Amino acid sequence: MTCKKVAKTVEKKHHLCHQKPSQTAEDYLERIHELIEEKGYARVVDIASSLAVRQASVTSMVSKTG
């Protein structure tokens, strides 16, 4: 997912729910953005490793934000 797609997904979700994402969701999205900026991609394994969480937790959170 590109940085623009991440931003659009967050913006779209925000407008649909009229709520600010939770702090945890923001942490995941910020880390995904950072990884994309650094590497050009963000794999579940990289996100999980950098946030010290399980890969299943990343998958769950990403499905909630998308």
Protein backbone atom coordinates (compact mmCIF):
# COMPACT_ATOMS: atom_id res chain seq x y z
CA MET A 1 0.00 0.00 0.00
CA THR A 2 1.43 3.38 -0.95
CA CYS A 3 1.60 6.34 1.41
CA LYS A 4 -1.18 8.06 -0.53
CA LYS A 5 -3.40 4.99 -0.23
CA VAL A 6 -2.74 4.77 3.53
CA ALA A 7 -3.65 8.44 3.92
CA LYS A 8 -6.78 8.07 1.79
CA THR A 9 -7.86 4.98 3.72
CA VAL A 10 -7.46 6.78 7.03
CA GLU A 11 -9.26 9.87 5.74
CA LYS A 12 -12.10 7.82 4.26
CA LYS A 13 -12.51 5.79 7.44
CA HIS A 14 -12.50 8.99 9.49
CA HIS A 15 -15.22 10.60 7.38
CA LEU A 16 -17.36 7.46 7.44
CA CYS A 17 -17.17 7.05 11.20
CA HIS A 18 -16.78 10.72 12.17
CA GLN A 19 -14.34 9.54 14.79
CA LYS A 20 -10.64 9.92 15.28
CA PRO A 21 -8.83 6.57 15.00
CA SER A 22 -7.79 5.04 18.32
CA GLN A 23 -4.25 5.69 19.52
CA THR A 24 -3.38 2.07 18.74
CA ALA A 25 -4.70 2.38 15.18
CA GLU A 26 -2.74 5.60 14.75
CA ASP A 27 0.42 3.85 15.98
CA TYR A 28 -0.01 1.07 13.42
CA LEU A 29 -0.77 3.50 10.60
CA GLU A 30 2.17 5.72 11.46
CA ARG A 31 4.52 2.73 11.50
CA ILE A 32 3.13 1.47 8.19
CA HIS A 33 3.72 4.92 6.71
CA GLU A 34 7.29 5.00 8.07
CA LEU A 35 8.08 1.56 6.65
CA ILE A 36 6.70 2.52 3.25
CA GLU A 37 8.82 5.67 3.29
CA GLU A 38 11.94 3.68 4.30
CA LYS A 39 11.54 0.53 2.20
CA GLY A 40 8.79 1.22 -0.31
CA TYR A 41 6.57 -1.43 1.28
CA ALA A 42 5.27 -2.56 4.68
CA ARG A 43 5.04 -6.28 5.36
CA VAL A 44 3.07 -7.68 8.28
CA VAL A 45 6.22 -9.28 9.66
CA ASP A 46 8.06 -5.92 9.63
CA ILE A 47 5.18 -4.06 11.24
CA ALA A 48 4.81 -6.71 13.95
CA SER A 49 8.53 -6.78 14.67
CA SER A 50 8.84 -3.01 14.92
CA LEU A 51 5.80 -2.68 17.20
CA ALA A 52 6.65 -5.79 19.26
CA VAL A 53 3.27 -7.42 18.56
CA ARG A 54 2.16 -10.66 16.93
CA GLN A 55 1.60 -10.82 13.20
CA ALA A 56 -2.03 -11.80 13.86
CA SER A 57 -2.50 -8.54 15.76
CA VAL A 58 -1.23 -6.56 12.79
CA THR A 59 -3.53 -8.43 10.41
CA SER A 60 -6.49 -7.79 12.69
CA MET A 61 -5.76 -4.08 13.09
CA VAL A 62 -5.16 -3.54 9.36
CA SER A 63 -8.47 -5.22 8.52
CA LYS A 64 -10.24 -2.90 10.98
CA THR A 65 -8.69 0.23 9.47
CA GLY A 66 -9.29 -0.70 5.86
